Amino acid sequence: MSVRVTKLDLVEPAVVDAVDAGADEILGIVYDASSTAELRAEARERAVAAAHAKARLFAEAANVRLGPVVHIEDADPDVRRFDDTRPAHMGGAVGGDDLAPGQVTISAAVVLGFSIAR
């Protein structure tokens, strides 16, 4: 059974009520944001910018010029396949760094492929 509480200040009373009603196991509490889509879009923009900056550093270190993007792939950090060993840039987190109650972190990851210009 799951319970959805839409007001943050009612989470604790809902847990207490569930235990009082006989619940002997709570598998977890998940916090979500009503603006997840907008936050995910912002995180994706940050991930692309971070991947581009990292690629520029690599190109500079290799003494080549970074060409245009030739491949963009969303690498959803929440749905990574167990056999996916390709690196993805996850520089797009939006939200807090800790696991404080009520705090939600929305992240995004991207794989960018660039051409090399000489």
Protein backbone atom coordinates (compact mmCIF):
# COMPACT_ATOMS: atom_id res chain seq x y z
CA MET A 1 0.00 0.00 0.00
CA SER A 2 1.22 3.51 -0.66
CA VAL A 3 0.06 6.85 0.64
CA ARG A 4 0.44 10.18 -1.13
CA VAL A 5 0.67 13.31 0.97
CA THR A 6 0.69 16.63 -0.88
CA LYS A 7 1.52 18.90 2.05
CA LEU A 8 5.01 18.51 3.49
CA ASP A 9 3.99 19.31 7.05
CA LEU A 10 1.56 16.35 7.00
CA VAL A 11 4.18 13.69 6.22
CA GLU A 12 5.17 13.03 9.83
CA PRO A 13 1.57 12.83 11.11
CA ALA A 14 0.73 10.46 8.24
CA VAL A 15 3.59 8.15 9.22
CA VAL A 16 2.55 8.26 12.87
CA ASP A 17 -1.06 7.51 11.90
CA ALA A 18 0.06 4.56 9.74
CA VAL A 19 2.05 3.07 12.63
CA ASP A 20 -0.82 3.69 15.04
CA ALA A 21 -3.12 1.90 12.59
CA GLY A 22 -0.88 -1.18 12.70
CA ALA A 23 1.79 -0.69 10.04
CA ASP A 24 4.86 -2.61 11.11
CA GLU A 25 7.08 -1.77 8.13
CA ILE A 26 7.62 1.42 6.14
CA LEU A 27 9.69 0.73 3.05
CA GLY A 28 10.54 4.33 2.35
CA ILE A 29 9.47 7.89 1.96
CA VAL A 30 9.93 9.53 -1.42
CA TYR A 31 9.86 13.27 -1.92
CA ASP A 32 8.97 14.68 -5.32
CA ALA A 33 8.46 18.15 -6.75
CA SER A 34 5.45 19.43 -8.62
CA SER A 35 7.78 21.23 -11.03
CA THR A 36 9.87 18.18 -11.94
CA ALA A 37 9.60 18.77 -15.69
CA GLU A 38 10.93 22.32 -15.46
CA LEU A 39 13.68 21.31 -13.04
CA ARG A 40 14.67 18.36 -15.28
CA ALA A 41 14.92 20.73 -18.28
CA GLU A 42 17.21 23.03 -16.28
CA ALA A 43 19.32 20.07 -15.16
CA ARG A 44 19.66 18.89 -18.78
CA GLU A 45 20.83 22.35 -19.88
CA ARG A 46 23.43 22.31 -17.10
CA ALA A 47 24.57 18.80 -18.04
CA VAL A 48 25.06 19.82 -21.68
CA ALA A 49 27.01 22.92 -20.65
CA ALA A 50 29.19 20.88 -18.29
CA ALA A 51 29.84 18.21 -20.95
CA HIS A 52 30.77 20.90 -23.48
CA ALA A 53 33.19 22.54 -21.02
CA LYS A 54 34.79 19.18 -20.27
CA ALA A 55 35.15 18.39 -23.99
CA ARG A 56 36.81 21.79 -24.56
CA LEU A 57 39.34 20.97 -21.84
CA PHE A 58 40.11 17.60 -23.42
CA ALA A 59 40.50 19.16 -26.87
CA GLU A 60 42.79 21.84 -25.47
CA ALA A 61 44.92 19.22 -23.70
CA ALA A 62 45.15 17.20 -26.93
CA ASN A 63 46.10 20.34 -28.88
CA VAL A 64 43.11 20.10 -31.23
CA ARG A 65 40.07 22.29 -31.81
CA LEU A 66 36.67 21.08 -30.76
CA GLY A 67 34.33 20.80 -33.73
CA PRO A 68 30.54 20.82 -33.74
CA VAL A 69 28.39 18.38 -31.82
CA VAL A 70 27.68 15.29 -33.91
CA HIS A 71 25.79 13.22 -31.32
CA ILE A 72 23.55 14.02 -28.36
CA GLU A 73 22.04 11.32 -26.18
CA ASP A 74 19.99 11.65 -23.04
CA ALA A 75 21.47 9.33 -20.45
CA ASP A 76 18.74 9.40 -17.81
CA PRO A 77 20.57 8.87 -14.51
CA ASP A 78 17.47 7.28 -12.98
CA VAL A 79 17.26 4.59 -15.68
CA ARG A 80 20.83 3.49 -16.38
CA ARG A 81 21.10 0.02 -17.88
CA PHE A 82 23.35 -2.39 -15.99
CA ASP A 83 25.43 -3.04 -19.13
CA ASP A 84 25.83 0.61 -20.10
CA THR A 85 29.51 1.35 -19.50
CA ARG A 86 29.71 4.52 -21.57
CA PRO A 87 30.49 7.59 -19.49
CA ALA A 88 27.76 10.15 -19.17
CA HIS A 89 28.23 13.66 -17.86
CA MET A 90 26.04 14.20 -14.84
CA GLY A 91 26.86 17.82 -14.16
CA GLY A 92 23.25 18.86 -14.19
CA ALA A 93 21.93 18.39 -10.68
CA VAL A 94 19.34 20.87 -9.46
CA GLY A 95 18.47 20.87 -5.78
CA GLY A 96 20.20 20.17 -2.50
CA ASP A 97 23.34 18.20 -1.83
CA ASP A 98 22.08 16.42 1.25
CA LEU A 99 19.13 14.18 1.95
CA ALA A 100 17.27 16.58 4.17
CA PRO A 101 13.56 15.79 4.45
CA GLY A 102 11.58 17.66 1.86
CA GLN A 103 14.55 18.30 -0.35
CA VAL A 104 14.46 16.91 -3.87
CA THR A 105 17.43 16.60 -6.21
CA ILE A 106 16.62 16.43 -9.92
CA SER A 107 19.54 15.34 -12.07
CA ALA A 108 20.25 14.81 -15.73
CA ALA A 109 23.02 13.15 -17.66
CA VAL A 110 24.05 13.52 -21.28
CA VAL A 111 26.44 11.91 -23.72
CA LEU A 112 27.79 14.37 -26.29
CA GLY A 113 29.92 13.47 -29.28
CA PHE A 114 32.01 16.16 -30.97
CA SER A 115 33.98 16.24 -34.16
CA ILE A 116 37.62 17.26 -33.95
CA ALA A 117 38.72 20.20 -36.07
CA ARG A 118 42.39 20.56 -36.94
